[in-house]
N, C-alpha and C. Protein backbone atom coordinates (compact mmCIF):
# COMPACT_ATOMS: atom_id res chain seq x y z
N MET A 1 -13.96 -23.72 15.45
CA MET A 1 -15.30 -23.92 15.41
C MET A 1 -16.01 -24.14 14.35
N THR A 2 -16.51 -25.28 14.25
CA THR A 2 -17.28 -26.09 12.98
C THR A 2 -18.31 -24.88 12.41
N TRP A 3 -18.21 -24.47 11.34
CA TRP A 3 -19.06 -24.15 10.45
C TRP A 3 -20.38 -24.61 9.79
N ASP A 4 -21.80 -24.11 9.71
CA ASP A 4 -22.63 -24.00 9.26
C ASP A 4 -22.82 -24.42 7.82
N GLU A 5 -22.26 -23.07 7.85
CA GLU A 5 -21.98 -22.58 6.08
C GLU A 5 -21.55 -21.45 5.96
N SER A 6 -20.87 -21.41 4.49
CA SER A 6 -19.66 -20.46 4.51
C SER A 6 -19.95 -20.27 3.42
N ARG A 7 -19.70 -18.44 2.70
CA ARG A 7 -19.86 -18.01 1.77
C ARG A 7 -18.96 -17.10 1.24
N THR A 8 -18.45 -16.96 -0.03
CA THR A 8 -17.50 -16.51 -0.57
C THR A 8 -18.18 -15.10 -1.37
N LEU A 9 -18.43 -14.09 -0.76
CA LEU A 9 -19.05 -12.82 -1.02
C LEU A 9 -18.30 -11.98 -2.18
N ALA A 10 -16.98 -11.64 -2.31
CA ALA A 10 -15.94 -11.01 -3.66
C ALA A 10 -14.66 -11.25 -2.97
N GLY A 11 -13.77 -11.31 -4.67
CA GLY A 11 -12.63 -11.63 -4.05
C GLY A 11 -11.74 -11.63 -5.61
N SER A 12 -10.70 -11.45 -5.26
CA SER A 12 -9.92 -10.88 -6.70
C SER A 12 -8.22 -11.58 -5.61
N ILE A 13 -7.62 -12.47 -6.56
CA ILE A 13 -6.76 -13.35 -5.82
C ILE A 13 -5.21 -12.08 -5.65
N GLY A 14 -5.06 -11.98 -4.68
CA GLY A 14 -3.55 -10.86 -4.19
C GLY A 14 -4.16 -9.28 -4.16
N GLU A 15 -5.86 -9.25 -4.44
CA GLU A 15 -6.29 -8.26 -4.01
C GLU A 15 -7.47 -7.58 -2.97
N TYR A 16 -8.48 -8.70 -2.75
CA TYR A 16 -8.95 -8.29 -1.86
C TYR A 16 -9.84 -9.52 -1.46
N ILE A 17 -10.35 -9.81 -0.11
CA ILE A 17 -11.54 -11.08 -0.19
C ILE A 17 -12.51 -10.68 1.37
N ALA A 18 -13.39 -11.35 0.83
CA ALA A 18 -14.93 -10.89 1.57
C ALA A 18 -15.56 -12.62 2.07
N VAL A 19 -15.62 -13.30 2.89
CA VAL A 19 -16.47 -14.11 3.26
C VAL A 19 -17.22 -13.98 4.28
N ALA A 20 -17.84 -14.52 4.17
CA ALA A 20 -19.10 -15.03 5.45
C ALA A 20 -19.63 -16.35 6.11
N ARG A 21 -19.56 -16.88 7.63
CA ARG A 21 -19.66 -18.37 7.98
C ARG A 21 -20.91 -17.88 8.75
N ARG A 22 -21.83 -19.15 9.29
CA ARG A 22 -22.59 -19.11 9.74
C ARG A 22 -22.45 -20.56 10.97
N GLY A 23 -22.51 -20.04 12.09
CA GLY A 23 -23.04 -20.80 12.88
C GLY A 23 -23.70 -20.80 13.72
N GLY A 24 -24.62 -21.73 13.57
CA GLY A 24 -26.43 -21.31 13.98
C GLY A 24 -26.73 -20.54 13.31
N ALA A 25 -27.37 -19.60 14.37
CA ALA A 25 -27.82 -18.32 13.61
C ALA A 25 -27.27 -17.10 13.58
N THR A 26 -25.88 -17.10 13.85
CA THR A 26 -25.02 -16.07 13.72
C THR A 26 -24.43 -16.17 12.34
N TRP A 27 -23.94 -15.05 11.77
CA TRP A 27 -23.01 -15.08 10.65
C TRP A 27 -22.14 -14.07 10.95
N TYR A 28 -20.46 -14.96 10.26
CA TYR A 28 -19.57 -13.71 10.47
C TYR A 28 -18.96 -13.45 9.27
N LEU A 29 -18.94 -11.74 9.11
CA LEU A 29 -18.21 -11.76 8.03
C LEU A 29 -17.24 -10.73 8.21
N GLY A 30 -16.01 -11.08 7.32
CA GLY A 30 -14.54 -11.08 7.31
C GLY A 30 -14.32 -10.26 6.17
N ALA A 31 -13.32 -9.20 5.81
CA ALA A 31 -12.75 -8.58 4.58
C ALA A 31 -11.65 -8.04 4.99
N MET A 32 -10.86 -8.31 3.96
CA MET A 32 -9.36 -7.75 4.03
C MET A 32 -8.75 -7.02 2.44
N THR A 33 -8.22 -6.42 2.75
CA THR A 33 -7.58 -5.81 1.50
C THR A 33 -5.97 -5.49 1.32
N ASN A 34 -5.43 -5.46 0.04
CA ASN A 34 -4.10 -5.43 0.09
C ASN A 34 -3.50 -4.39 0.24
N GLU A 35 -2.54 -3.62 0.16
CA GLU A 35 -1.89 -2.37 0.31
C GLU A 35 -2.60 -1.28 -0.37
N SER A 36 -3.52 -1.56 -1.39
CA SER A 36 -4.94 -0.21 -1.93
C SER A 36 -5.74 -0.40 -0.81
N SER A 37 -6.63 0.59 -0.25
CA SER A 37 -7.85 1.35 0.57
C SER A 37 -8.53 1.02 -0.81
N ARG A 38 -9.89 0.22 0.09
CA ARG A 38 -10.83 -0.12 -1.06
C ARG A 38 -12.06 -0.22 -0.15
N THR A 39 -13.61 0.12 -1.37
CA THR A 39 -14.69 -0.21 -0.31
C THR A 39 -15.19 -0.96 -1.07
N LEU A 40 -15.96 -2.17 -0.27
CA LEU A 40 -16.65 -3.51 -1.09
C LEU A 40 -18.08 -3.02 -1.09
N SER A 41 -19.37 -2.97 -1.68
CA SER A 41 -20.47 -3.48 -1.41
C SER A 41 -20.65 -4.61 -1.21
N LEU A 42 -21.15 -5.13 -0.30
CA LEU A 42 -21.71 -6.60 0.31
C LEU A 42 -22.96 -6.58 0.28
N PRO A 43 -24.01 -6.57 -0.71
CA PRO A 43 -25.45 -7.97 -0.48
C PRO A 43 -25.44 -8.71 0.74
N LEU A 44 -26.44 -8.20 1.71
CA LEU A 44 -26.63 -8.84 2.63
C LEU A 44 -28.12 -10.41 2.71
N SER A 45 -28.08 -10.87 1.16
CA SER A 45 -28.74 -11.76 0.60
C SER A 45 -28.82 -12.97 1.16
N PHE A 46 -27.44 -13.24 1.55
CA PHE A 46 -27.36 -14.63 2.39
C PHE A 46 -27.82 -15.15 3.58
N LEU A 47 -28.61 -13.66 4.14
CA LEU A 47 -29.15 -13.89 5.59
C LEU A 47 -30.68 -14.46 5.60
N GLY A 48 -31.28 -14.90 6.25
CA GLY A 48 -32.36 -15.15 6.55
C GLY A 48 -33.29 -13.83 6.96
N SER A 49 -34.70 -14.35 6.57
CA SER A 49 -35.71 -13.78 7.05
C SER A 49 -35.47 -12.96 8.70
N GLY A 50 -36.45 -11.70 8.50
CA GLY A 50 -36.13 -10.91 9.80
C GLY A 50 -34.94 -10.00 9.72
N THR A 51 -34.67 -9.09 11.37
CA THR A 51 -34.02 -8.34 11.51
C THR A 51 -32.55 -8.58 11.63
N TYR A 52 -31.43 -7.88 11.51
CA TYR A 52 -30.16 -8.56 12.46
C TYR A 52 -29.37 -7.42 13.15
N THR A 53 -28.75 -7.41 13.84
CA THR A 53 -28.04 -6.49 14.46
C THR A 53 -26.34 -6.78 13.84
N ALA A 54 -25.82 -5.77 13.36
CA ALA A 54 -24.72 -5.90 12.67
C ALA A 54 -23.70 -4.96 13.38
N THR A 55 -22.72 -5.56 14.34
CA THR A 55 -21.66 -4.84 15.12
C THR A 55 -20.54 -4.96 14.21
N VAL A 56 -19.75 -4.10 13.88
CA VAL A 56 -18.90 -3.49 13.14
C VAL A 56 -17.85 -3.56 13.56
N TYR A 57 -16.58 -4.16 13.42
CA TYR A 57 -15.35 -3.63 13.87
C TYR A 57 -14.76 -3.04 12.11
N ALA A 58 -14.19 -1.66 12.48
CA ALA A 58 -13.83 -1.35 11.18
C ALA A 58 -12.66 -0.20 11.31
N ASP A 59 -12.01 -0.43 10.57
CA ASP A 59 -10.63 0.23 9.97
C ASP A 59 -10.85 1.60 10.70
N GLY A 60 -10.51 2.58 11.75
CA GLY A 60 -10.12 4.01 12.00
C GLY A 60 -9.23 4.54 11.64
N THR A 61 -9.15 5.55 11.86
CA THR A 61 -8.57 6.63 11.13
C THR A 61 -7.48 6.19 11.34
N PRO A 62 -6.04 6.19 10.70
CA PRO A 62 -4.54 5.63 10.99
C PRO A 62 -3.67 6.58 12.05
N GLY A 63 -2.91 6.49 13.04
CA GLY A 63 -2.23 7.46 13.21
C GLY A 63 -1.04 7.56 13.12
N THR A 64 0.02 8.15 13.89
CA THR A 64 1.29 8.23 13.36
C THR A 64 1.98 6.86 12.73
N SER A 65 1.48 5.80 12.97
CA SER A 65 2.55 4.95 12.65
C SER A 65 1.25 3.83 11.93
N PRO A 66 1.90 3.25 10.82
CA PRO A 66 0.70 2.58 9.50
C PRO A 66 0.65 1.30 10.22
N PHE A 67 0.84 1.01 11.02
CA PHE A 67 0.68 -0.58 11.85
C PHE A 67 0.35 -0.68 13.19
N ARG A 68 -0.37 1.02 13.40
CA ARG A 68 -1.36 1.18 14.88
C ARG A 68 -2.83 1.64 14.11
N THR A 69 -3.48 0.93 13.15
CA THR A 69 -4.54 1.81 12.65
C THR A 69 -5.68 1.03 13.98
N PRO A 70 -6.47 2.40 14.75
CA PRO A 70 -7.32 1.96 15.40
C PRO A 70 -8.57 1.23 14.63
N VAL A 71 -9.29 0.50 15.75
CA VAL A 71 -10.71 -0.05 15.49
C VAL A 71 -11.69 0.70 16.09
N VAL A 72 -12.72 0.93 15.16
CA VAL A 72 -14.01 1.79 15.33
C VAL A 72 -14.82 0.57 15.55
N VAL A 73 -15.68 0.49 16.28
CA VAL A 73 -16.55 -0.30 17.04
C VAL A 73 -18.12 0.35 16.75
N SER A 74 -19.16 -0.17 15.46
CA SER A 74 -20.77 0.30 15.81
C SER A 74 -21.53 -0.44 15.44
N THR A 75 -22.46 -0.99 15.82
CA THR A 75 -24.00 -1.23 15.77
C THR A 75 -24.85 -0.68 14.51
N ARG A 76 -25.53 -1.55 13.76
CA ARG A 76 -26.82 -0.97 12.80
C ARG A 76 -27.48 -2.29 13.17
N THR A 77 -29.09 -2.28 12.95
CA THR A 77 -30.14 -3.43 12.11
C THR A 77 -30.04 -3.11 10.50
N VAL A 78 -29.73 -4.38 10.25
CA VAL A 78 -29.79 -4.78 8.78
C VAL A 78 -31.16 -5.64 8.40
N THR A 79 -30.79 -6.18 7.11
CA THR A 79 -32.44 -7.21 6.91
C THR A 79 -31.22 -7.82 5.60
N ALA A 80 -32.13 -9.27 5.00
CA ALA A 80 -31.04 -9.70 3.74
C ALA A 80 -31.39 -8.40 2.41
N ALA A 81 -32.14 -8.36 2.61
CA ALA A 81 -32.83 -6.39 1.32
C ALA A 81 -31.09 -5.42 1.68
N ASP A 82 -30.50 -5.55 2.48
CA ASP A 82 -30.10 -4.23 2.79
C ASP A 82 -28.26 -4.92 1.96
N THR A 83 -27.81 -3.88 2.08
CA THR A 83 -26.29 -4.09 1.04
C THR A 83 -25.20 -3.37 2.38
N LEU A 84 -24.08 -3.76 2.70
CA LEU A 84 -23.12 -3.41 3.63
C LEU A 84 -22.21 -2.88 3.31
N ASP A 85 -21.75 -1.35 2.81
CA ASP A 85 -20.28 -0.98 2.47
C ASP A 85 -19.42 -1.07 3.31
N VAL A 86 -18.40 -1.69 2.82
CA VAL A 86 -16.94 -1.92 3.93
C VAL A 86 -15.99 -1.43 3.32
N ALA A 87 -15.73 -0.16 3.99
CA ALA A 87 -14.83 0.45 3.65
C ALA A 87 -13.31 0.29 4.05
N MET A 88 -11.89 -0.12 4.04
CA MET A 88 -10.91 -0.54 4.27
C MET A 88 -9.82 -0.27 3.97
N ALA A 89 -8.78 0.66 4.99
CA ALA A 89 -7.64 1.14 5.25
C ALA A 89 -6.61 0.73 4.05
N PRO A 90 -5.93 0.83 3.17
CA PRO A 90 -4.30 0.10 2.84
C PRO A 90 -3.90 -0.72 4.11
N ALA A 91 -4.22 -2.32 3.13
CA ALA A 91 -3.60 -3.82 4.34
C ALA A 91 -4.45 -3.57 5.49
N GLY A 92 -5.77 -3.48 5.35
CA GLY A 92 -6.79 -3.51 6.37
C GLY A 92 -8.15 -4.11 6.25
N GLY A 93 -8.98 -4.04 7.01
CA GLY A 93 -10.19 -4.99 6.85
C GLY A 93 -11.59 -4.62 7.63
N GLN A 94 -12.21 -5.53 7.78
CA GLN A 94 -13.17 -5.26 8.34
C GLN A 94 -13.87 -6.63 8.95
N ALA A 95 -14.40 -6.91 10.13
CA ALA A 95 -15.13 -8.20 11.01
C ALA A 95 -16.45 -7.36 11.32
N VAL A 96 -17.44 -8.46 10.86
CA VAL A 96 -18.56 -7.67 11.27
C VAL A 96 -19.90 -9.21 12.06
N VAL A 97 -20.40 -9.12 12.87
CA VAL A 97 -21.33 -9.91 13.52
C VAL A 97 -22.57 -9.66 13.08
N LEU A 98 -23.25 -10.79 12.39
CA LEU A 98 -25.03 -10.79 12.73
C LEU A 98 -25.27 -11.42 13.45
N THR A 99 -25.80 -10.90 14.59
CA THR A 99 -26.94 -11.61 15.15
C THR A 99 -28.60 -11.56 15.34
N PRO A 100 -29.60 -12.38 14.78
CA PRO A 100 -30.77 -12.19 15.00
C PRO A 100 -31.20 -11.19 16.23
N SER A 101 -32.26 -10.52 15.70
CA SER A 101 -32.92 -9.32 16.59
C SER A 101 -34.11 -9.69 17.09
């Protein structure tokens, strides 16, 4: 994939990272953390005008094995004025696809 635009949203070396990349009108947001669970509050100010559908792929409740964290998929409507709270399990992350509505 060739990206039209990339943005670093948050990060601390060895701790966590959150980036957003745009291909056409669709944005792809990815975040991951080290062994510490954490929640990042990420402003969506990089989005263009209008509304977007955010399809969120997030860490679910861990099962009996720490290496088999389920994925929970949800959707919501967002705009550039919103902030997305990204909750991550230890050694986990989130992926979000933001498509214009």
